[in-house]
Amino acid sequence: MKRFQGEPYYKHGEVPAVGILVSNLGSPDAPTGPALKRYLREFLGDPRVIEVSRLIWKPFLEGVILRKRPPKIARKFAAIWTNEGAPLTVITRKQASGLQATLKDRVGPPLHVEVGMRYGNPGIKEGLANLRSLGCRKILIFPLLPQYASSSVGAAFDGVTQELRTWRWVPELRFITHYHDDPRYIEALAATARELWDREGKPEKLLFSFHGIPRSTFLAGDPYHCECHKTGRLVADALKLRPDEWQLCFQSQLGPEEWLEPYTDKTVARLAKEGLKRLDVMCPGFSADCLETLEEIAVENREIFEENGGKTFRYIPSLNDRDVHLKALADIAWDHLKGWVIPASEWDPEKVEAEIEASLKRAEALRKTGTNTKVQKAEKNVKYTG
């Protein structure tokens, strides 16, 4: 059994392609208890996500969490599930195809975009394998997670490197760790709010809700808290909001440990009790709508707001596959692809074809001398078709 994976023979005359692996955290395969149990075992079993001794955490995970939580969470997923599948997975696929379409006219050589979720399917292993099968020798890893956190972007890095450790021919690799303050991303967020306000009017306050992390990881050096605050400040500036017109908070706490504060649910309740009637909530840490936005914010926190006296609660959807978002992602990716790709305006297919023919002739010469007798016969037919 071979220890490392790879193609059995080198293909002379192949035009090396460039790949982009679009990644996010992932979703269960179905809104059912068993599917949630599989997903949560993988997700919560990752030391990047739960930084507790495995001797303590694993028995608690298996004996308590995986017995009690899956059915409850499955019901919530069922409420947002679509005919195509989990919203996060469906939207991420659309983002990947939209990103490729947006970059297609800019790039000369072959460029392929695949999806690789950190947990669940389609996974990082599958996405990378697809890029390898398409001849990608240079791969840009693009987690659609604007603010860096060890438990999200760091976990994606682990997933990629764990898989590449099994490859014989390791590709050139670049990794986008964050884009929390990129002007194009900031403007895309601001444009989404402006469209709603131009159509339906401004709220009394805009609340930025980010996924929380344990306070202990922030104190250990995780930059997530600071990057969230910078994102919120920049969007508020772009919208020309006064300090009293916006606030930032954190959602989705898990367990008894102290997490980043203020908490979203408590903030929403307090604002309503203080007499606030019109509240908009935006989640800039989520590039695609998912359980945490569609159910936790748009449903649960709406109920909290209304139960405490609030009147109008609006969740501003994530950027998803909106054109302004795809354009921003393409621009960010293009910056990281520089030096790897040739702009379409400079691409010369005839020159590439000539180089392919020369490479094939050299391989044929080696074959005739017996130096390379095991080269695949199909190698003769490799042609550039881009």
Protein backbone atom coordinates (compact mmCIF):
# COMPACT_ATOMS: atom_id res chain seq x y z
CA MET A 1 0.00 0.00 0.00
CA LYS A 2 1.37 3.39 -1.02
CA ARG A 3 1.81 5.86 1.77
CA PHE A 4 1.18 8.97 -0.33
CA GLN A 5 -1.54 9.73 -2.86
CA GLY A 6 -0.77 10.95 -6.36
CA GLU A 7 -1.06 10.47 -10.08
CA PRO A 8 0.88 7.39 -11.27
CA TYR A 9 2.65 9.17 -14.12
CA TYR A 10 3.69 12.71 -14.92
CA LYS A 11 1.69 14.19 -17.79
CA HIS A 12 3.98 16.01 -20.18
CA GLY A 13 2.34 18.91 -21.94
CA GLU A 14 -0.21 19.56 -19.22
CA VAL A 15 -1.02 23.21 -18.56
CA PRO A 16 -0.82 23.62 -14.76
CA ALA A 17 -4.12 25.00 -13.55
CA VAL A 18 -4.76 27.25 -10.57
CA GLY A 19 -7.35 26.27 -8.00
CA ILE A 20 -9.32 28.07 -5.31
CA LEU A 21 -10.76 26.09 -2.42
CA VAL A 22 -13.70 27.99 -0.94
CA SER A 23 -14.31 26.86 2.62
CA ASN A 24 -16.73 27.40 5.48
CA LEU A 25 -17.55 25.53 8.68
CA GLY A 26 -20.15 23.22 7.12
CA SER A 27 -23.53 21.67 7.92
CA PRO A 28 -25.02 18.25 8.68
CA ASP A 29 -26.09 16.06 5.77
CA ALA A 30 -29.73 16.10 6.87
CA PRO A 31 -31.95 17.73 9.53
CA THR A 32 -32.09 14.52 11.56
CA GLY A 33 -30.78 13.38 14.92
CA PRO A 34 -28.28 10.82 13.51
CA ALA A 35 -26.92 13.31 10.96
CA LEU A 36 -26.52 15.98 13.65
CA LYS A 37 -24.76 13.48 15.89
CA ARG A 38 -22.19 12.73 13.18
CA TYR A 39 -21.67 16.39 12.44
CA LEU A 40 -21.38 17.49 16.07
CA ARG A 41 -18.96 14.66 16.84
CA GLU A 42 -16.63 15.94 14.13
CA PHE A 43 -17.16 19.63 14.90
CA LEU A 44 -17.05 19.57 18.71
CA GLY A 45 -14.37 16.88 18.69
CA ASP A 46 -11.89 19.28 17.10
CA PRO A 47 -9.37 20.62 19.68
CA ARG A 48 -9.42 23.94 17.80
CA VAL A 49 -13.10 24.32 18.65
CA ILE A 50 -13.08 23.04 22.23
CA GLU A 51 -9.74 23.71 23.93
CA VAL A 52 -10.24 21.32 26.81
CA SER A 53 -8.28 18.20 27.71
CA ARG A 54 -9.49 15.29 25.58
CA LEU A 55 -9.58 13.11 28.70
CA ILE A 56 -12.20 15.44 30.17
CA TRP A 57 -14.01 16.57 27.03
CA LYS A 58 -14.46 13.35 25.07
CA PRO A 59 -16.48 11.48 27.75
CA PHE A 60 -18.65 14.57 28.27
CA LEU A 61 -19.14 14.99 24.51
CA GLU A 62 -20.10 11.35 23.97
CA GLY A 63 -22.00 10.84 27.19
CA VAL A 64 -23.94 14.10 27.46
CA ILE A 65 -23.88 16.41 24.43
CA LEU A 66 -24.25 13.82 21.69
CA ARG A 67 -27.11 12.19 23.55
CA LYS A 68 -29.13 15.31 24.29
CA ARG A 69 -28.41 18.01 21.71
CA PRO A 70 -28.80 16.36 18.26
CA PRO A 71 -32.63 15.97 18.30
CA LYS A 72 -33.12 19.54 19.54
CA ILE A 73 -30.76 21.05 16.95
CA ALA A 74 -32.20 18.83 14.22
CA ARG A 75 -35.61 20.43 14.75
CA LYS A 76 -34.09 23.86 14.29
CA PHE A 77 -32.33 22.78 11.10
CA ALA A 78 -35.57 21.30 9.80
CA ALA A 79 -37.19 24.73 10.12
CA ILE A 80 -34.64 26.34 7.77
CA TRP A 81 -33.83 23.37 5.50
CA THR A 82 -34.36 23.93 1.77
CA ASN A 83 -35.15 21.55 -1.08
CA GLU A 84 -31.48 21.82 -2.08
CA GLY A 85 -30.13 21.13 1.39
CA ALA A 86 -28.66 23.11 4.28
CA PRO A 87 -28.67 26.87 3.53
CA LEU A 88 -24.97 27.30 4.32
CA THR A 89 -23.95 24.49 1.96
CA VAL A 90 -26.30 25.61 -0.80
CA ILE A 91 -25.14 29.22 -0.61
CA THR A 92 -21.45 28.31 -0.43
CA ARG A 93 -21.80 26.28 -3.63
CA LYS A 94 -23.41 29.29 -5.30
CA GLN A 95 -20.62 31.52 -4.02
CA ALA A 96 -18.01 29.16 -5.47
CA SER A 97 -19.64 29.01 -8.90
CA GLY A 98 -20.22 32.76 -8.83
CA LEU A 99 -16.60 33.39 -7.88
CA GLN A 100 -15.38 31.26 -10.78
CA ALA A 101 -17.72 33.00 -13.20
CA THR A 102 -16.60 36.43 -11.97
CA LEU A 103 -12.90 35.55 -12.35
CA LYS A 104 -13.25 33.68 -15.65
CA ASP A 105 -12.82 36.70 -17.91
CA ARG A 106 -9.84 38.01 -15.92
CA VAL A 107 -7.67 34.89 -16.05
CA GLY A 108 -5.87 33.35 -19.01
CA PRO A 109 -4.85 29.84 -17.87
CA PRO A 110 -7.34 27.33 -16.42
CA LEU A 111 -8.77 28.32 -13.03
CA HIS A 112 -11.09 26.10 -11.00
CA VAL A 113 -13.07 26.81 -7.83
CA GLU A 114 -14.21 24.01 -5.54
CA VAL A 115 -15.97 23.84 -2.15
CA GLY A 116 -14.39 22.19 0.87
CA MET A 117 -16.22 22.47 4.20
CA ARG A 118 -14.21 22.05 7.37
CA TYR A 119 -16.85 19.72 8.83
CA GLY A 120 -19.46 17.68 7.00
CA ASN A 121 -19.81 17.38 3.24
CA PRO A 122 -18.44 18.26 0.77
CA GLY A 123 -15.29 18.22 2.88
CA ILE A 124 -11.84 19.71 2.45
CA LYS A 125 -10.48 16.32 1.37
CA GLU A 126 -13.02 16.08 -1.45
CA GLY A 127 -12.52 19.66 -2.57
CA LEU A 128 -8.74 19.33 -2.73
CA ALA A 129 -9.00 15.99 -4.55
CA ASN A 130 -11.24 17.62 -7.16
CA LEU A 131 -8.71 20.40 -7.70
CA ARG A 132 -5.89 17.88 -8.03
CA SER A 133 -7.86 15.90 -10.62
CA LEU A 134 -8.29 19.13 -12.59
CA GLY A 135 -4.52 19.60 -12.73
CA CYS A 136 -4.23 22.39 -10.15
CA ARG A 137 -0.61 22.73 -9.02
CA LYS A 138 -1.23 26.04 -7.27
CA ILE A 139 -4.10 26.31 -4.79
CA LEU A 140 -5.47 29.33 -2.93
CA ILE A 141 -7.38 28.44 0.23
CA PHE A 142 -10.17 30.95 0.78
CA PRO A 143 -12.14 30.46 4.01
CA LEU A 144 -15.23 32.67 3.74
CA LEU A 145 -14.71 33.71 7.35
CA PRO A 146 -13.85 37.44 7.37
CA GLN A 147 -12.52 37.65 10.93
CA TYR A 148 -9.73 35.28 11.98
CA ALA A 149 -10.46 32.92 14.86
CA SER A 150 -8.41 29.90 15.82
CA SER A 151 -11.61 27.86 16.06
CA SER A 152 -12.70 28.70 12.49
CA VAL A 153 -9.94 29.85 10.13
CA GLY A 154 -7.30 28.04 12.17
CA ALA A 155 -9.37 24.86 11.99
CA ALA A 156 -9.65 25.22 8.20
CA PHE A 157 -5.86 25.47 7.97
CA ASP A 158 -5.54 22.28 10.02
CA GLY A 159 -7.96 20.49 7.72
CA VAL A 160 -6.01 21.50 4.62
CA THR A 161 -2.59 20.62 5.97
CA GLN A 162 -3.78 17.30 7.38
CA GLU A 163 -4.98 16.30 3.93
CA LEU A 164 -1.92 17.57 2.06
CA ARG A 165 0.32 15.52 4.34
CA THR A 166 -1.01 12.50 2.46
CA TRP A 167 -0.20 13.86 -1.01
CA ARG A 168 2.91 12.85 -2.92
CA TRP A 169 3.08 16.03 -4.99
CA VAL A 170 2.24 18.89 -2.63
CA PRO A 171 0.94 21.93 -4.54
CA GLU A 172 2.04 25.51 -4.06
CA LEU A 173 -0.26 26.91 -1.42
CA ARG A 174 -1.57 30.30 -0.37
CA PHE A 175 -4.02 30.90 2.46
CA ILE A 176 -6.29 33.88 3.13
CA THR A 177 -6.48 34.20 6.91
CA HIS A 178 -8.85 37.19 7.11
CA TYR A 179 -10.39 40.10 5.23
CA HIS A 180 -12.24 41.79 8.08
CA ASP A 181 -11.17 45.31 7.09
CA ASP A 182 -10.98 44.98 3.32
CA PRO A 183 -12.70 48.09 1.87
CA ARG A 184 -14.56 46.01 -0.73
CA TYR A 185 -16.03 43.72 1.91
CA ILE A 186 -16.93 46.69 4.11
CA GLU A 187 -18.67 48.48 1.25
CA ALA A 188 -20.61 45.33 0.33
CA LEU A 189 -21.97 45.17 3.89
CA ALA A 190 -22.80 48.86 3.94
CA ALA A 191 -24.53 48.65 0.54
CA THR A 192 -26.80 45.88 1.82
CA ALA A 193 -27.97 48.03 4.74
CA ARG A 194 -28.43 51.11 2.54
CA GLU A 195 -30.67 49.19 0.14
CA LEU A 196 -32.98 48.16 2.98
CA TRP A 197 -33.03 51.63 4.51
CA ASP A 198 -33.68 53.37 1.21
CA ARG A 199 -36.62 51.04 0.68
CA GLU A 200 -38.09 50.78 4.18
CA GLY A 201 -36.44 53.45 6.32
CA LYS A 202 -33.70 53.45 8.97
CA PRO A 203 -34.01 51.78 12.37
CA GLU A 204 -33.36 53.49 15.69
CA LYS A 205 -30.29 51.30 16.12
CA LEU A 206 -28.19 48.86 14.09
CA LEU A 207 -26.85 45.88 16.02
CA PHE A 208 -23.80 43.99 14.74
CA SER A 209 -23.93 40.41 16.02
CA PHE A 210 -20.87 38.19 15.67
CA HIS A 211 -20.45 34.56 16.65
CA GLY A 212 -18.87 34.42 20.07
CA ILE A 213 -15.71 32.67 21.29
CA PRO A 214 -14.65 31.85 24.86
CA ARG A 215 -13.07 34.82 26.59
CA SER A 216 -10.12 32.60 27.52
CA THR A 217 -9.11 32.23 23.84
CA PHE A 218 -9.18 36.01 23.41
CA LEU A 219 -6.93 36.39 26.46
CA ALA A 220 -4.64 33.72 25.00
CA GLY A 221 -4.00 35.86 21.93
CA ASP A 222 -6.82 35.22 19.45
CA PRO A 223 -7.35 38.42 17.37
CA TYR A 224 -11.03 37.69 16.65
CA HIS A 225 -12.47 40.15 19.18
CA CYS A 226 -10.43 43.05 17.81
CA GLU A 227 -11.18 42.19 14.18
CA CYS A 228 -14.92 42.04 14.87
CA HIS A 229 -14.83 45.48 16.46
CA LYS A 230 -12.88 46.89 13.53
CA THR A 231 -15.39 45.48 11.06
CA GLY A 232 -18.28 46.98 13.01
CA ARG A 233 -16.61 50.38 13.29
CA LEU A 234 -15.75 50.52 9.59
CA VAL A 235 -19.28 49.58 8.49
CA ALA A 236 -20.77 52.13 10.89
CA ASP A 237 -18.42 54.77 9.46
CA ALA A 238 -19.41 53.82 5.91
CA LEU A 239 -23.07 54.23 6.89
CA LYS A 240 -22.31 57.52 8.66
CA LEU A 241 -23.88 56.32 11.90
CA ARG A 242 -23.53 58.22 15.15
CA PRO A 243 -22.11 56.27 18.15
CA ASP A 244 -25.58 55.97 19.67
CA GLU A 245 -27.00 54.50 16.45
CA TRP A 246 -25.09 51.23 16.51
CA GLN A 247 -23.73 48.59 18.89
CA LEU A 248 -21.73 45.35 18.67
CA CYS A 249 -22.38 42.10 20.52
CA PHE A 250 -21.73 38.34 20.38
CA GLN A 251 -24.05 35.33 20.00
CA SER A 252 -24.08 31.50 20.16
CA GLN A 253 -22.51 30.83 23.54
CA LEU A 254 -21.90 27.19 24.50
CA GLY A 255 -21.39 25.83 28.00
CA PRO A 256 -20.82 27.55 31.36
CA GLU A 257 -17.54 29.28 30.44
CA GLU A 258 -17.52 33.07 30.05
CA TRP A 259 -17.63 34.14 26.38
CA LEU A 260 -17.09 37.47 24.69
CA GLU A 261 -19.60 40.07 25.83
CA PRO A 262 -22.05 41.71 25.53
CA TYR A 263 -24.29 38.77 24.61
CA THR A 264 -26.70 39.34 21.73
CA ASP A 265 -29.84 37.93 23.35
CA LYS A 266 -29.37 39.93 26.54
CA THR A 267 -28.59 43.08 24.55
CA VAL A 268 -31.74 42.68 22.42
CA ALA A 269 -33.86 42.21 25.54
CA ARG A 270 -32.31 45.22 27.27
CA LEU A 271 -32.78 47.53 24.29
CA ALA A 272 -36.45 46.58 24.03
CA LYS A 273 -37.01 47.10 27.77
CA GLU A 274 -35.38 50.53 27.51
CA GLY A 275 -37.98 51.55 24.97
CA LEU A 276 -36.29 50.91 21.63
CA LYS A 277 -38.96 50.13 19.04
CA ARG A 278 -37.11 49.63 15.74
CA LEU A 279 -34.01 47.44 15.64
CA ASP A 280 -32.00 46.07 12.70
CA VAL A 281 -29.48 43.26 13.18
CA MET A 282 -26.60 42.47 10.84
CA CYS A 283 -24.17 39.53 11.19
CA PRO A 284 -20.94 40.56 9.40
CA GLY A 285 -19.06 37.48 10.54
CA PHE A 286 -21.25 35.18 8.46
CA SER A 287 -20.61 35.27 4.71
CA ALA A 288 -23.64 33.03 4.15
CA ASP A 289 -26.89 32.60 6.03
CA CYS A 290 -27.03 29.55 8.28
CA LEU A 291 -28.63 28.24 11.46
CA GLU A 292 -27.07 31.01 13.56
CA THR A 293 -28.56 33.77 11.40
CA LEU A 294 -31.80 32.31 10.06
CA GLU A 295 -32.94 30.69 13.31
CA GLU A 296 -31.02 32.19 16.22
CA ILE A 297 -31.16 35.81 15.05
CA ALA A 298 -34.12 36.05 12.67
CA VAL A 299 -36.43 33.90 14.85
CA GLU A 300 -35.25 33.59 18.45
CA ASN A 301 -33.94 37.12 18.91
CA ARG A 302 -36.94 38.58 17.10
CA GLU A 303 -39.14 36.86 19.67
CA ILE A 304 -36.97 38.20 22.51
CA PHE A 305 -37.27 41.73 21.14
CA GLU A 306 -41.03 41.58 20.72
CA GLU A 307 -41.64 39.87 24.06
CA ASN A 308 -39.84 42.73 25.81
CA GLY A 309 -41.76 45.55 24.13
CA GLY A 310 -39.98 46.02 20.81
CA LYS A 311 -42.07 46.57 17.67
CA THR A 312 -40.04 46.27 14.48
CA PHE A 313 -37.16 43.78 14.28
CA ARG A 314 -35.39 43.29 10.94
CA TYR A 315 -32.60 40.85 10.25
CA ILE A 316 -30.43 42.11 7.37
CA PRO A 317 -29.45 38.95 5.42
CA SER A 318 -25.84 37.90 4.99
CA LEU A 319 -24.10 38.87 1.76
CA ASN A 320 -24.62 35.34 0.38
CA ASP A 321 -24.26 35.23 -3.44
CA ARG A 322 -25.21 38.85 -4.09
CA ASP A 323 -23.31 40.37 -7.01
CA VAL A 324 -21.67 43.00 -4.81
CA HIS A 325 -20.35 40.21 -2.57
CA LEU A 326 -19.09 38.03 -5.42
CA LYS A 327 -17.30 41.05 -6.89
CA ALA A 328 -15.64 41.75 -3.51
CA LEU A 329 -14.59 38.11 -3.08
CA ALA A 330 -13.22 38.02 -6.64
CA ASP A 331 -11.20 41.18 -6.04
CA ILE A 332 -9.79 39.78 -2.80
CA ALA A 333 -8.93 36.47 -4.46
CA TRP A 334 -7.35 38.29 -7.42
CA ASP A 335 -5.00 40.14 -5.05
CA HIS A 336 -3.82 36.81 -3.63
CA LEU A 337 -3.48 35.18 -7.07
CA LYS A 338 -0.99 37.74 -8.36
CA GLY A 339 2.12 36.08 -9.70
CA TRP A 340 0.25 32.82 -10.14
CA VAL A 341 -2.09 33.71 -12.97
CA ILE A 342 -1.69 35.53 -16.25
CA PRO A 343 -4.34 38.16 -17.00
CA ALA A 344 -6.56 37.19 -19.91
CA SER A 345 -5.30 40.20 -21.87
CA GLU A 346 -1.73 38.81 -21.74
CA TRP A 347 -2.56 35.13 -22.31
CA ASP A 348 -1.25 33.69 -25.58
CA PRO A 349 -2.90 30.31 -26.36
CA GLU A 350 -0.72 29.79 -29.46
CA LYS A 351 2.46 30.16 -27.43
CA VAL A 352 1.12 27.75 -24.81
CA GLU A 353 0.19 25.24 -27.53
CA ALA A 354 3.70 25.44 -28.95
CA GLU A 355 5.21 24.77 -25.52
CA ILE A 356 2.92 21.78 -25.09
CA GLU A 357 4.00 20.33 -28.43
CA ALA A 358 7.65 20.82 -27.52
CA SER A 359 7.16 19.08 -24.20
CA LEU A 360 5.42 16.14 -25.87
CA LYS A 361 8.23 15.81 -28.41
CA ARG A 362 10.83 15.70 -25.65
CA ALA A 363 8.80 13.03 -23.84
CA GLU A 364 8.53 11.03 -27.08
CA ALA A 365 12.29 11.23 -27.56
CA LEU A 366 12.84 9.86 -24.06
CA ARG A 367 10.38 7.08 -24.77
CA LYS A 368 12.23 6.04 -27.92
CA THR A 369 15.53 5.85 -26.07
CA GLY A 370 13.90 3.62 -23.44
CA THR A 371 14.48 6.14 -20.69
CA ASN A 372 10.82 6.61 -19.96
CA THR A 373 9.13 3.40 -21.12
CA LYS A 374 6.33 3.47 -18.57
CA VAL A 375 4.91 6.84 -19.55
CA GLN A 376 1.17 6.54 -20.17
CA LYS A 377 0.12 6.15 -23.80
CA ALA A 378 -2.66 8.63 -23.18
CA GLU A 379 0.02 11.22 -22.57
CA LYS A 380 0.38 11.67 -26.32
CA ASN A 381 -3.09 13.13 -26.51
CA VAL A 382 -2.74 15.79 -23.80
CA LYS A 383 -3.72 19.08 -25.33
CA TYR A 384 -4.57 22.52 -24.05
CA THR A 385 -8.31 23.04 -24.50
CA GLY A 386 -8.83 26.24 -22.51
